[in-house]
């Protein structure tokens, strides 16, 4: 067994619900509640233990550590908030290090694309004299949720395997 076994499990729906709830919350409040993160961490560990026993706990902890490690630079630069980094840890708990890397790369690319589209729209509005150019705070949980859905459903995989 191992971290990839979850992709064939209906338990992946739990992660979809958690990341979907985080995305909705982030859109509405620009925050991700800590109780959602704590529940996600415990459920991710439980799912991995159920799939792989003691090895599953190791997969979960390594995945969570990888998720946090991948977000440290973005967090320290102020690109994402603490809730976003913790949400990536939840994804790592459920999916392991390899898939959390894939999800983080895809989410970061989607977040960048959203930022460029937003900037383009702001420039166009400013040229029309209808808005002032300012940098909005973009919710990172939305691209995370989209990436989790795309990768775990098999619709989009960035790396083979």
C-alpha atoms as a PDB file:
ATOM      1  CA  UNK A   1       0.000   0.000   0.000  1.00  0.00           C
ATOM      2  CA  UNK A   2       1.113   3.613   0.386  1.00  0.00           C
ATOM      3  CA  UNK A   3       0.128   7.210  -0.155  1.00  0.00           C
ATOM      4  CA  UNK A   4      -1.146   6.703  -3.687  1.00  0.00           C
ATOM      5  CA  UNK A   5      -3.744   4.118  -2.625  1.00  0.00           C
ATOM      6  CA  UNK A   6      -6.002   6.901  -1.447  1.00  0.00           C
ATOM      7  CA  UNK A   7      -6.622   7.918  -5.068  1.00  0.00           C
ATOM      8  CA  UNK A   8      -8.678   4.774  -5.584  1.00  0.00           C
ATOM      9  CA  UNK A   9     -10.498   5.225  -2.283  1.00  0.00           C
ATOM     10  CA  UNK A  10     -13.801   7.005  -1.723  1.00  0.00           C
ATOM     11  CA  UNK A  11     -12.048   8.579   1.268  1.00  0.00           C
ATOM     12  CA  UNK A  12     -10.550  11.129  -1.125  1.00  0.00           C
ATOM     13  CA  UNK A  13     -14.000  12.745  -1.032  1.00  0.00           C
ATOM     14  CA  UNK A  14     -13.186  13.830   2.531  1.00  0.00           C
ATOM     15  CA  UNK A  15     -10.248  15.835   1.212  1.00  0.00           C
ATOM     16  CA  UNK A  16     -12.450  17.318  -1.514  1.00  0.00           C
ATOM     17  CA  UNK A  17     -14.929  18.442   1.151  1.00  0.00           C
ATOM     18  CA  UNK A  18     -12.212  19.878   3.385  1.00  0.00           C
ATOM     19  CA  UNK A  19     -10.478  21.819   0.619  1.00  0.00           C
ATOM     20  CA  UNK A  20     -13.823  22.915  -0.827  1.00  0.00           C
ATOM     21  CA  UNK A  21     -14.938  24.231   2.571  1.00  0.00           C
ATOM     22  CA  UNK A  22     -11.592  26.000   2.999  1.00  0.00           C
ATOM     23  CA  UNK A  23     -11.941  27.601  -0.455  1.00  0.00           C
ATOM     24  CA  UNK A  24     -15.445  28.866   0.290  1.00  0.00           C
ATOM     25  CA  UNK A  25     -14.356  30.173   3.680  1.00  0.00           C
ATOM     26  CA  UNK A  26     -11.272  31.821   2.169  1.00  0.00           C
ATOM     27  CA  UNK A  27     -13.344  33.515  -0.522  1.00  0.00           C
ATOM     28  CA  UNK A  28     -15.809  34.840   2.028  1.00  0.00           C
ATOM     29  CA  UNK A  29     -13.445  35.895   4.817  1.00  0.00           C
ATOM     30  CA  UNK A  30      -9.884  35.627   3.474  1.00  0.00           C
ATOM     31  CA  UNK A  31      -9.210  33.232   6.345  1.00  0.00           C
ATOM     32  CA  UNK A  32      -9.195  29.474   6.823  1.00  0.00           C
ATOM     33  CA  UNK A  33     -10.437  28.448  10.271  1.00  0.00           C
ATOM     34  CA  UNK A  34      -8.031  26.496  12.476  1.00  0.00           C
ATOM     35  CA  UNK A  35     -10.693  23.950  13.529  1.00  0.00           C
ATOM     36  CA  UNK A  36     -11.059  22.937   9.865  1.00  0.00           C
ATOM     37  CA  UNK A  37      -7.289  22.458   9.657  1.00  0.00           C
ATOM     38  CA  UNK A  38      -7.141  20.422  12.884  1.00  0.00           C
ATOM     39  CA  UNK A  39      -9.981  18.156  11.720  1.00  0.00           C
ATOM     40  CA  UNK A  40      -8.221  17.768   8.366  1.00  0.00           C
ATOM     41  CA  UNK A  41      -4.919  16.814   9.965  1.00  0.00           C
ATOM     42  CA  UNK A  42      -6.537  14.195  12.190  1.00  0.00           C
ATOM     43  CA  UNK A  43      -8.660  12.776   9.361  1.00  0.00           C
ATOM     44  CA  UNK A  44      -5.662  12.674   7.012  1.00  0.00           C
ATOM     45  CA  UNK A  45      -3.653  10.727   9.563  1.00  0.00           C
ATOM     46  CA  UNK A  46      -6.592   8.402  10.224  1.00  0.00           C
ATOM     47  CA  UNK A  47      -7.093   7.746   6.511  1.00  0.00           C
ATOM     48  CA  UNK A  48      -3.416   6.944   5.991  1.00  0.00           C
ATOM     49  CA  UNK A  49      -3.336   4.674   9.057  1.00  0.00           C
ATOM     50  CA  UNK A  50      -6.469   2.911   7.797  1.00  0.00           C
ATOM     51  CA  UNK A  51      -4.860   2.389   4.387  1.00  0.00           C
ATOM     52  CA  UNK A  52      -1.337   1.428   5.459  1.00  0.00           C
ATOM     53  CA  UNK A  53      -1.154   0.961   9.217  1.00  0.00           C
ATOM     54  CA  UNK A  54       1.910   2.363  10.970  1.00  0.00           C
ATOM     55  CA  UNK A  55       3.548   3.044   7.593  1.00  0.00           C
ATOM     56  CA  UNK A  56       0.542   5.229   6.795  1.00  0.00           C
ATOM     57  CA  UNK A  57       1.241   7.455   9.770  1.00  0.00           C
ATOM     58  CA  UNK A  58       4.769   7.947   8.455  1.00  0.00           C
ATOM     59  CA  UNK A  59       3.413   8.766   4.993  1.00  0.00           C
ATOM     60  CA  UNK A  60       1.017  11.274   6.542  1.00  0.00           C
ATOM     61  CA  UNK A  61       3.679  12.989   8.651  1.00  0.00           C
ATOM     62  CA  UNK A  62       6.181  13.169   5.801  1.00  0.00           C
ATOM     63  CA  UNK A  63       3.448  14.500   3.510  1.00  0.00           C
ATOM     64  CA  UNK A  64       2.406  17.170   6.021  1.00  0.00           C
ATOM     65  CA  UNK A  65       6.023  18.203   6.541  1.00  0.00           C
ATOM     66  CA  UNK A  66       6.549  18.402   2.781  1.00  0.00           C
ATOM     67  CA  UNK A  67       3.386  20.474   2.392  1.00  0.00           C
ATOM     68  CA  UNK A  68       4.539  22.944   5.012  1.00  0.00           C
ATOM     69  CA  UNK A  69       8.063  23.005   3.615  1.00  0.00           C
ATOM     70  CA  UNK A  70       6.784  23.823   0.143  1.00  0.00           C
ATOM     71  CA  UNK A  71       4.824  26.791   1.487  1.00  0.00           C
ATOM     72  CA  UNK A  72       7.409  28.323   3.849  1.00  0.00           C
ATOM     73  CA  UNK A  73       8.946  30.618   1.218  1.00  0.00           C
ATOM     74  CA  UNK A  74       5.561  31.811  -0.088  1.00  0.00           C
ATOM     75  CA  UNK A  75       4.372  32.383   3.487  1.00  0.00           C
ATOM     76  CA  UNK A  76       7.538  34.252   4.502  1.00  0.00           C
ATOM     77  CA  UNK A  77       7.165  36.521   1.447  1.00  0.00           C
ATOM     78  CA  UNK A  78       3.539  37.253   2.325  1.00  0.00           C
ATOM     79  CA  UNK A  79       2.174  35.640  -0.844  1.00  0.00           C
ATOM     80  CA  UNK A  80       0.017  33.242   1.172  1.00  0.00           C
ATOM     81  CA  UNK A  81      -1.262  33.233   4.724  1.00  0.00           C
ATOM     82  CA  UNK A  82      -0.747  30.770   7.527  1.00  0.00           C
ATOM     83  CA  UNK A  83      -4.061  29.057   6.822  1.00  0.00           C
ATOM     84  CA  UNK A  84      -2.964  28.392   3.249  1.00  0.00           C
ATOM     85  CA  UNK A  85       0.267  26.780   4.447  1.00  0.00           C
ATOM     86  CA  UNK A  86      -1.682  24.684   6.963  1.00  0.00           C
ATOM     87  CA  UNK A  87      -4.189  23.651   4.275  1.00  0.00           C
ATOM     88  CA  UNK A  88      -1.275  22.377   2.199  1.00  0.00           C
ATOM     89  CA  UNK A  89      -0.187  20.368   5.256  1.00  0.00           C
ATOM     90  CA  UNK A  90      -3.653  18.780   5.335  1.00  0.00           C
ATOM     91  CA  UNK A  91      -3.282  17.827   1.667  1.00  0.00           C
ATOM     92  CA  UNK A  92       0.091  16.267   2.468  1.00  0.00           C
ATOM     93  CA  UNK A  93      -1.427  14.306   5.366  1.00  0.00           C
ATOM     94  CA  UNK A  94      -3.967  12.757   3.011  1.00  0.00           C
ATOM     95  CA  UNK A  95      -1.843  12.315  -0.099  1.00  0.00           C
ATOM     96  CA  UNK A  96       1.801  12.043   0.883  1.00  0.00           C
ATOM     97  CA  UNK A  97       4.825  14.048  -0.234  1.00  0.00           C
ATOM     98  CA  UNK A  98       4.805  13.259  -3.962  1.00  0.00           C
ATOM     99  CA  UNK A  99       1.216  14.316  -4.563  1.00  0.00           C
ATOM    100  CA  UNK A 100       1.369  17.339  -2.258  1.00  0.00           C
ATOM    101  CA  UNK A 101       4.320  18.532  -4.347  1.00  0.00           C
ATOM    102  CA  UNK A 102       2.253  18.124  -7.516  1.00  0.00           C
ATOM    103  CA  UNK A 103      -0.753  19.866  -5.991  1.00  0.00           C
ATOM    104  CA  UNK A 104       1.369  22.740  -4.688  1.00  0.00           C
ATOM    105  CA  UNK A 105       3.035  23.303  -8.066  1.00  0.00           C
ATOM    106  CA  UNK A 106      -0.347  23.283  -9.820  1.00  0.00           C
ATOM    107  CA  UNK A 107      -2.012  25.490  -7.181  1.00  0.00           C
ATOM    108  CA  UNK A 108       0.830  28.005  -7.364  1.00  0.00           C
ATOM    109  CA  UNK A 109       0.550  28.118 -11.159  1.00  0.00           C
ATOM    110  CA  UNK A 110      -3.231  28.603 -10.942  1.00  0.00           C
ATOM    111  CA  UNK A 111      -2.806  31.283  -8.281  1.00  0.00           C
ATOM    112  CA  UNK A 112      -0.306  33.078 -10.530  1.00  0.00           C
ATOM    113  CA  UNK A 113      -2.675  32.866 -13.491  1.00  0.00           C
ATOM    114  CA  UNK A 114      -5.489  34.337 -11.393  1.00  0.00           C
ATOM    115  CA  UNK A 115      -3.148  37.129 -10.266  1.00  0.00           C
ATOM    116  CA  UNK A 116      -2.186  37.944 -13.864  1.00  0.00           C
ATOM    117  CA  UNK A 117      -5.817  37.975 -14.985  1.00  0.00           C
ATOM    118  CA  UNK A 118      -6.740  40.204 -12.056  1.00  0.00           C
ATOM    119  CA  UNK A 119      -3.879  42.569 -12.832  1.00  0.00           C
ATOM    120  CA  UNK A 120      -4.861  42.689 -16.500  1.00  0.00           C
ATOM    121  CA  UNK A 121      -8.446  43.512 -15.584  1.00  0.00           C
ATOM    122  CA  UNK A 122      -7.289  46.236 -13.192  1.00  0.00           C
ATOM    123  CA  UNK A 123      -5.036  47.779 -15.837  1.00  0.00           C
ATOM    124  CA  UNK A 124      -7.872  47.733 -18.366  1.00  0.00           C
ATOM    125  CA  UNK A 125     -10.256  49.362 -15.879  1.00  0.00           C
ATOM    126  CA  UNK A 126      -7.656  51.966 -14.961  1.00  0.00           C
ATOM    127  CA  UNK A 127      -7.131  52.801 -18.624  1.00  0.00           C
ATOM    128  CA  UNK A 128     -10.874  53.363 -18.857  1.00  0.00           C
ATOM    129  CA  UNK A 129     -10.704  55.579 -15.769  1.00  0.00           C
ATOM    130  CA  UNK A 130     -12.954  53.268 -13.765  1.00  0.00           C
ATOM    131  CA  UNK A 131     -10.703  51.890 -11.094  1.00  0.00           C
ATOM    132  CA  UNK A 132      -7.521  52.504  -9.221  1.00  0.00           C
ATOM    133  CA  UNK A 133      -4.708  50.025  -9.533  1.00  0.00           C
ATOM    134  CA  UNK A 134      -4.267  48.126  -6.260  1.00  0.00           C
ATOM    135  CA  UNK A 135      -3.136  44.642  -5.433  1.00  0.00           C
ATOM    136  CA  UNK A 136      -6.029  42.553  -4.111  1.00  0.00           C
ATOM    137  CA  UNK A 137      -5.449  39.709  -1.682  1.00  0.00           C
ATOM    138  CA  UNK A 138      -6.190  36.607  -3.714  1.00  0.00           C
ATOM    139  CA  UNK A 139      -7.504  33.510  -1.913  1.00  0.00           C
ATOM    140  CA  UNK A 140      -4.994  30.662  -2.285  1.00  0.00           C
ATOM    141  CA  UNK A 141      -7.372  27.979  -0.993  1.00  0.00           C
ATOM    142  CA  UNK A 142      -9.376  28.173  -4.239  1.00  0.00           C
ATOM    143  CA  UNK A 143      -6.488  27.012  -6.456  1.00  0.00           C
ATOM    144  CA  UNK A 144      -5.551  24.430  -3.816  1.00  0.00           C
ATOM    145  CA  UNK A 145      -9.075  22.972  -3.890  1.00  0.00           C
ATOM    146  CA  UNK A 146      -9.091  23.012  -7.697  1.00  0.00           C
ATOM    147  CA  UNK A 147      -5.683  21.324  -7.809  1.00  0.00           C
ATOM    148  CA  UNK A 148      -6.742  18.634  -5.341  1.00  0.00           C
ATOM    149  CA  UNK A 149      -9.829  17.914  -7.422  1.00  0.00           C
ATOM    150  CA  UNK A 150      -7.929  17.845 -10.732  1.00  0.00           C
ATOM    151  CA  UNK A 151      -5.048  15.687  -9.492  1.00  0.00           C
ATOM    152  CA  UNK A 152      -6.968  13.201  -7.356  1.00  0.00           C
ATOM    153  CA  UNK A 153      -9.672  12.678  -9.987  1.00  0.00           C
ATOM    154  CA  UNK A 154      -7.001  11.955 -12.599  1.00  0.00           C
ATOM    155  CA  UNK A 155      -8.116  14.823 -14.837  1.00  0.00           C
ATOM    156  CA  UNK A 156      -4.720  16.541 -14.709  1.00  0.00           C
ATOM    157  CA  UNK A 157      -1.424  15.085 -13.582  1.00  0.00           C
ATOM    158  CA  UNK A 158       1.738  17.155 -13.897  1.00  0.00           C
ATOM    159  CA  UNK A 159       4.151  14.318 -13.234  1.00  0.00           C
ATOM    160  CA  UNK A 160       3.980  10.680 -14.304  1.00  0.00           C
ATOM    161  CA  UNK A 161       3.062   8.067 -11.748  1.00  0.00           C
END
